[in-house]
Amino acid sequence: MVGASNLQSALMKGLPISTIEDVERALREHHYVADRSLATTLFLSLTLEKPLLLEGEAGVGKTEVGKVLAEILSTRLIRLQCYEGIDVNTAVYEWAYAKQMLHIRLLESTGADREQAEREIYSPQFLVKRPLLQAIETDGGSAPVLLIDEIDRADDEFEAFLLELLSDYQISIPEIGTIKAVKPPAVIITSNRTREIHDALKRRCLYFWIDYPSVDRELEIINTRIPDVPQKLARQVSAFIGGVRRLDLYKLPGIAETLDWTRALMALDQTELDEAAVQATLGSIVKYQEDLERLRGTGSRELLARALA
């Protein structure tokens, strides 16, 4: 059995994930279809207690890895959704200023000196813990899964905030000191690669690129996530989507769009593809007007003919 705390915790809970094969099986049991290379990288991330950076196009299943890992480990999922302008007050911690001001007035009424007031107002009771700080303070429970989603949407300054956490699993707060994780969280970071992530952050992580699935793999995903799908429809959908991804579109459909489209077709009682159903549901596949125009008419008919063949 490996020595990483996350794996030990999982094993104590009866979750046998001490080998790569166990990770593959656990992913399948939680309806996540992954190849062995991803299972291996995820196993190493847990074993070595290193963050895992997942890159790939939007909709290929990066975020789902963090969600499924939390289910496998039977632990909390702490998700930080990144966006332009995210800062330390939103992601790490901030002080409850209103409560501090009330406490200062209370201390002044009792005649407390200034040094005592400063010590008290900068104590943990006035600290508002945001996701990153919550992830390293387990309070004796199991270590959570920390999902830092779409890091490429944040700016360079925010990446700098993460470096101490990702290397040492600790956060320094000037007024209090350094808070270090007793049990390091399992960290999953995702990026849609809208910009390059800095080398300093990458050096602290293991890396994996999740690509669009092959037609056969997508068929397996459809069957796994939508067990009651008609098989003929599932085969045709996976073949059609595979053809769409070979086109020069503004935004290619991801796995999420494939599953949405399949469910939409089933809601229309379709057991196989036909032109009318395809034309009526193209909005489930692509989300830009230019791409819709490209697929309407001749484009979708050619793809449909190949899918039916």
Protein backbone atom coordinates (compact mmCIF):
# COMPACT_ATOMS: atom_id res chain seq x y z
CA MET A 1 0.00 0.00 0.00
CA VAL A 2 1.31 3.42 -0.91
CA GLY A 3 2.02 5.93 1.81
CA ALA A 4 0.12 9.01 0.64
CA SER A 5 -2.37 10.27 3.19
CA ASN A 6 -5.21 10.56 0.68
CA LEU A 7 -4.82 6.93 -0.34
CA GLN A 8 -4.46 5.79 3.25
CA SER A 9 -7.61 7.67 4.17
CA ALA A 10 -9.45 6.09 1.27
CA LEU A 11 -8.24 2.61 2.14
CA MET A 12 -9.37 3.02 5.74
CA LYS A 13 -12.82 3.84 4.39
CA GLY A 14 -12.87 0.66 2.37
CA LEU A 15 -12.03 2.28 -0.97
CA PRO A 16 -9.33 0.05 -2.54
CA ILE A 17 -7.40 2.44 -4.77
CA SER A 18 -3.83 1.42 -4.04
CA THR A 19 -2.98 0.60 -7.69
CA ILE A 20 -3.54 2.15 -11.10
CA GLU A 21 -6.04 -0.61 -11.88
CA ASP A 22 -7.99 0.35 -8.76
CA VAL A 23 -8.15 3.96 -9.97
CA GLU A 24 -9.39 2.80 -13.39
CA ARG A 25 -12.06 0.66 -11.76
CA ALA A 26 -13.14 3.42 -9.36
CA LEU A 27 -13.49 5.89 -12.24
CA ARG A 28 -15.64 3.42 -14.19
CA GLU A 29 -17.81 2.73 -11.15
CA HIS A 30 -18.46 6.48 -10.90
CA HIS A 31 -19.34 6.65 -14.62
CA TYR A 32 -16.18 8.41 -15.75
CA VAL A 33 -14.64 6.84 -18.84
CA ALA A 34 -10.86 7.37 -18.82
CA ASP A 35 -7.92 5.73 -20.52
CA ARG A 36 -5.05 4.22 -18.57
CA SER A 37 -2.78 7.24 -19.05
CA LEU A 38 -5.19 9.52 -17.17
CA ALA A 39 -5.71 6.91 -14.45
CA THR A 40 -1.91 6.61 -14.09
CA THR A 41 -1.44 10.37 -13.79
CA LEU A 42 -4.26 10.62 -11.25
CA PHE A 43 -2.75 7.74 -9.25
CA LEU A 44 0.65 9.48 -9.20
CA SER A 45 -0.95 12.77 -8.16
CA LEU A 46 -2.49 11.07 -5.13
CA THR A 47 0.56 8.98 -4.32
CA LEU A 48 3.08 11.81 -4.58
CA GLU A 49 0.66 14.38 -3.11
CA LYS A 50 1.24 16.71 -6.06
CA PRO A 51 -1.38 18.92 -7.70
CA LEU A 52 -2.64 17.77 -11.10
CA LEU A 53 -3.00 20.33 -13.90
CA LEU A 54 -5.52 19.22 -16.53
CA GLU A 55 -5.59 21.10 -19.81
CA GLY A 56 -7.83 20.64 -22.83
CA GLU A 57 -10.68 22.18 -24.77
CA ALA A 58 -13.83 23.17 -22.90
CA GLY A 59 -16.24 20.30 -22.36
CA VAL A 60 -13.84 17.35 -22.50
CA GLY A 61 -14.34 16.34 -18.85
CA LYS A 62 -11.62 18.16 -16.90
CA THR A 63 -13.87 19.54 -14.17
CA GLU A 64 -15.61 16.19 -13.85
CA VAL A 65 -12.31 14.59 -12.77
CA GLY A 66 -12.32 16.69 -9.59
CA LYS A 67 -15.96 15.92 -8.87
CA VAL A 68 -15.53 12.19 -9.40
CA LEU A 69 -12.32 12.10 -7.31
CA ALA A 70 -14.19 13.60 -4.35
CA GLU A 71 -16.83 10.88 -4.71
CA ILE A 72 -14.20 8.15 -4.92
CA LEU A 73 -12.41 9.42 -1.81
CA SER A 74 -15.73 10.05 -0.01
CA THR A 75 -14.61 13.54 0.95
CA ARG A 76 -15.61 17.16 0.49
CA LEU A 77 -15.21 18.89 -2.85
CA ILE A 78 -14.05 22.51 -2.46
CA ARG A 79 -14.38 24.25 -5.81
CA LEU A 80 -12.85 27.60 -6.68
CA GLN A 81 -14.18 28.95 -9.97
CA CYS A 82 -11.63 31.35 -11.41
CA TYR A 83 -12.49 34.52 -13.31
CA GLU A 84 -10.80 37.72 -14.44
CA GLY A 85 -10.06 39.87 -11.41
CA ILE A 86 -10.24 37.12 -8.77
CA ASP A 87 -8.06 38.09 -5.80
CA VAL A 88 -6.88 36.93 -2.39
CA ASN A 89 -9.98 38.25 -0.64
CA THR A 90 -12.21 36.07 -2.79
CA ALA A 91 -10.03 32.98 -3.01
CA VAL A 92 -7.98 32.80 0.20
CA TYR A 93 -9.26 34.88 3.13
CA GLU A 94 -10.46 38.28 4.25
CA TRP A 95 -11.14 39.99 7.56
CA ALA A 96 -14.67 40.54 8.83
CA TYR A 97 -14.29 44.31 9.05
CA ALA A 98 -17.78 45.02 10.41
CA LYS A 99 -17.29 42.59 13.29
CA GLN A 100 -13.83 43.99 13.94
CA MET A 101 -15.18 47.52 14.21
CA LEU A 102 -17.87 46.43 16.66
CA HIS A 103 -15.27 44.60 18.73
CA ILE A 104 -13.00 47.67 18.75
CA ARG A 105 -15.82 49.80 20.12
CA LEU A 106 -16.51 47.20 22.77
CA LEU A 107 -12.85 47.15 23.79
CA GLU A 108 -12.73 50.95 23.90
CA SER A 109 -15.71 50.98 26.24
CA THR A 110 -13.87 48.65 28.60
CA GLY A 111 -10.68 50.69 28.50
CA ALA A 112 -8.53 48.08 26.75
CA ASP A 113 -5.17 49.31 25.44
CA ARG A 114 -4.29 49.51 21.74
CA GLU A 115 -1.98 46.50 21.66
CA GLN A 116 -4.61 44.27 23.21
CA ALA A 117 -7.18 45.54 20.71
CA GLU A 118 -4.90 44.74 17.76
CA ARG A 119 -4.21 41.24 19.06
CA GLU A 120 -7.89 40.49 19.46
CA ILE A 121 -9.25 41.91 16.21
CA TYR A 122 -6.66 40.00 14.18
CA SER A 123 -7.49 36.66 15.75
CA PRO A 124 -8.98 33.65 13.91
CA GLN A 125 -12.52 34.46 15.10
CA PHE A 126 -12.59 37.44 12.72
CA LEU A 127 -11.03 35.57 9.79
CA VAL A 128 -13.38 34.75 6.90
CA LYS A 129 -12.05 31.58 5.25
CA ARG A 130 -12.37 31.36 1.50
CA PRO A 131 -11.97 28.13 -0.55
CA LEU A 132 -8.16 27.90 -0.57
CA LEU A 133 -7.89 28.38 3.19
CA GLN A 134 -10.78 26.00 3.81
CA ALA A 135 -8.95 23.34 1.80
CA ILE A 136 -5.92 23.24 4.09
CA GLU A 137 -7.81 23.43 7.40
CA THR A 138 -9.37 20.00 7.82
CA ASP A 139 -10.13 20.25 11.58
CA GLY A 140 -9.20 16.61 12.03
CA GLY A 141 -11.41 15.33 9.21
CA SER A 142 -10.37 13.79 5.93
CA ALA A 143 -8.49 15.94 3.42
CA PRO A 144 -10.81 17.45 0.81
CA VAL A 145 -10.46 17.60 -2.96
CA LEU A 146 -9.61 21.15 -4.04
CA LEU A 147 -10.79 21.92 -7.57
CA ILE A 148 -9.31 25.15 -8.98
CA ASP A 149 -11.39 25.48 -12.13
CA GLU A 150 -10.35 27.39 -15.26
CA ILE A 151 -7.13 28.88 -13.89
CA ASP A 152 -6.50 30.42 -17.33
CA ARG A 153 -9.34 32.90 -16.69
CA ALA A 154 -7.43 34.41 -13.75
CA ASP A 155 -4.48 36.77 -14.09
CA ASP A 156 -0.76 36.40 -13.37
CA GLU A 157 -1.06 37.90 -9.89
CA PHE A 158 -3.51 35.24 -8.81
CA GLU A 159 -1.20 32.49 -10.04
CA ALA A 160 1.44 33.97 -7.73
CA PHE A 161 -0.97 33.58 -4.79
CA LEU A 162 -1.15 29.87 -5.53
CA LEU A 163 2.56 29.06 -5.57
CA GLU A 164 3.03 28.73 -1.79
CA LEU A 165 -0.10 26.63 -1.48
CA LEU A 166 0.81 24.28 -4.33
CA SER A 167 4.40 23.72 -3.20
CA ASP A 168 4.05 23.52 0.59
CA TYR A 169 0.29 23.24 1.20
CA GLN A 170 0.41 26.30 3.40
CA ILE A 171 -0.86 29.88 3.38
CA SER A 172 0.84 32.85 5.03
CA ILE A 173 -1.38 35.46 6.65
CA PRO A 174 0.65 38.52 7.76
CA GLU A 175 -1.44 39.24 10.87
CA ILE A 176 -1.50 35.62 12.09
CA GLY A 177 1.37 33.68 10.55
CA THR A 178 1.58 30.57 8.43
CA ILE A 179 -1.22 28.01 8.34
CA LYS A 180 -0.06 24.62 7.09
CA ALA A 181 -2.21 21.66 6.11
CA VAL A 182 -2.00 18.67 8.42
CA LYS A 183 -3.50 16.54 5.65
CA PRO A 184 -2.76 17.96 2.19
CA PRO A 185 -5.81 18.18 -0.06
CA ALA A 186 -5.94 16.43 -3.43
CA VAL A 187 -5.63 19.33 -5.86
CA ILE A 188 -7.04 19.36 -9.39
CA ILE A 189 -6.41 22.46 -11.52
CA THR A 190 -8.12 22.86 -14.89
CA SER A 191 -7.31 25.12 -17.83
CA ASN A 192 -8.99 25.62 -21.21
CA ARG A 193 -5.69 27.06 -22.41
CA THR A 194 -7.07 30.45 -23.40
CA ARG A 195 -3.65 31.66 -22.24
CA GLU A 196 -0.40 30.01 -21.24
CA ILE A 197 0.02 29.09 -17.57
CA HIS A 198 3.32 30.23 -16.04
CA ASP A 199 6.16 27.74 -15.66
CA ALA A 200 6.38 28.39 -11.91
CA LEU A 201 2.89 26.96 -11.44
CA LYS A 202 3.42 24.10 -13.89
CA ARG A 203 6.60 23.01 -12.08
CA ARG A 204 4.55 22.38 -8.96
CA CYS A 205 2.08 20.11 -10.75
CA LEU A 206 1.79 16.91 -12.68
CA TYR A 207 0.35 17.57 -16.13
CA PHE A 208 -2.17 15.86 -18.37
CA TRP A 209 -3.84 16.93 -21.61
CA ILE A 210 -7.41 15.66 -22.10
CA ASP A 211 -8.25 15.53 -25.79
CA TYR A 212 -11.54 15.02 -27.57
CA PRO A 213 -12.45 11.32 -27.46
CA SER A 214 -12.41 9.02 -30.47
CA VAL A 215 -15.74 7.90 -31.93
CA ASP A 216 -15.51 4.55 -30.12
CA ARG A 217 -14.57 6.19 -26.82
CA GLU A 218 -17.40 8.70 -27.16
CA LEU A 219 -19.84 5.84 -27.78
CA GLU A 220 -18.61 4.26 -24.55
CA ILE A 221 -19.12 7.56 -22.72
CA ILE A 222 -22.67 7.89 -24.05
CA ASN A 223 -23.53 4.38 -22.94
CA THR A 224 -21.97 4.94 -19.53
CA ARG A 225 -23.65 8.26 -18.80
CA ILE A 226 -27.00 7.51 -20.48
CA PRO A 227 -27.58 3.76 -19.96
CA ASP A 228 -31.07 3.72 -21.50
CA VAL A 229 -30.00 5.26 -24.82
CA PRO A 230 -30.99 3.23 -27.94
CA GLN A 231 -27.80 1.69 -29.28
CA LYS A 232 -28.44 2.66 -32.88
CA LEU A 233 -28.92 6.29 -31.83
CA ALA A 234 -25.79 6.23 -29.64
CA ARG A 235 -23.65 4.92 -32.52
CA GLN A 236 -25.02 7.50 -34.95
CA VAL A 237 -24.61 10.38 -32.49
CA SER A 238 -20.97 9.51 -31.77
CA ALA A 239 -20.21 9.20 -35.49
CA PHE A 240 -21.98 12.50 -36.30
CA ILE A 241 -20.16 14.39 -33.53
CA GLY A 242 -16.86 12.89 -34.70
CA GLY A 243 -17.56 14.37 -38.14
CA VAL A 244 -18.50 17.76 -36.69
CA ARG A 245 -15.15 17.95 -34.87
CA ARG A 246 -13.34 17.62 -38.19
CA LEU A 247 -14.94 20.83 -39.44
CA ASP A 248 -13.42 24.29 -39.14
CA LEU A 249 -15.84 25.66 -36.54
CA TYR A 250 -15.44 28.54 -34.12
CA LYS A 251 -16.13 26.22 -31.17
CA LEU A 252 -16.15 22.46 -31.51
CA PRO A 253 -18.66 20.53 -29.39
CA GLY A 254 -17.35 18.85 -26.27
CA ILE A 255 -18.53 15.73 -24.49
CA ALA A 256 -21.05 17.81 -22.55
CA GLU A 257 -22.68 18.84 -25.85
CA THR A 258 -22.72 15.23 -27.03
CA LEU A 259 -24.59 14.14 -23.91
CA ASP A 260 -26.97 17.11 -24.10
CA TRP A 261 -27.74 16.34 -27.73
CA THR A 262 -28.35 12.66 -27.01
CA ARG A 263 -30.77 13.53 -24.21
CA ALA A 264 -32.52 16.07 -26.46
CA LEU A 265 -33.00 13.45 -29.18
CA MET A 266 -34.34 10.95 -26.65
CA ALA A 267 -36.76 13.59 -25.36
CA LEU A 268 -38.08 13.79 -28.93
CA ASP A 269 -38.51 9.98 -28.94
CA GLN A 270 -35.80 9.50 -31.55
CA THR A 271 -34.36 6.00 -31.77
CA GLU A 272 -32.13 6.97 -34.69
CA LEU A 273 -31.00 10.11 -36.47
CA ASP A 274 -32.92 11.69 -39.32
CA GLU A 275 -32.54 15.04 -41.06
CA ALA A 276 -35.52 16.69 -39.40
CA ALA A 277 -34.33 15.79 -35.90
CA VAL A 278 -30.77 16.92 -36.64
CA GLN A 279 -31.88 20.30 -38.02
CA ALA A 280 -34.22 20.87 -35.08
CA THR A 281 -31.58 20.15 -32.42
CA LEU A 282 -28.38 21.68 -33.81
CA GLY A 283 -28.52 24.23 -30.99
CA SER A 284 -27.59 21.43 -28.60
CA ILE A 285 -24.34 20.85 -30.48
CA VAL A 286 -23.00 24.31 -31.37
CA LYS A 287 -23.60 27.63 -29.62
CA TYR A 288 -22.45 30.22 -32.17
CA GLN A 289 -24.45 31.60 -35.10
CA GLU A 290 -21.56 31.12 -37.53
CA ASP A 291 -21.28 27.45 -36.58
CA LEU A 292 -25.04 26.95 -36.89
CA GLU A 293 -24.98 28.38 -40.41
CA ARG A 294 -22.08 26.09 -41.31
CA LEU A 295 -23.95 23.01 -40.11
CA ARG A 296 -27.40 23.83 -41.48
CA GLY A 297 -28.39 22.39 -44.84
CA THR A 298 -25.71 20.67 -46.88
CA GLY A 299 -23.15 20.46 -44.09
CA SER A 300 -25.33 18.50 -41.69
CA ARG A 301 -26.76 16.32 -44.47
CA GLU A 302 -23.31 15.15 -45.47
CA LEU A 303 -22.41 14.39 -41.85
CA LEU A 304 -25.71 12.58 -41.35
CA ALA A 305 -25.14 10.42 -44.43
CA ARG A 306 -21.74 9.35 -43.09
CA ALA A 307 -23.16 8.70 -39.62
CA LEU A 308 -25.97 6.54 -41.01
CA ALA A 309 -23.52 4.64 -43.15
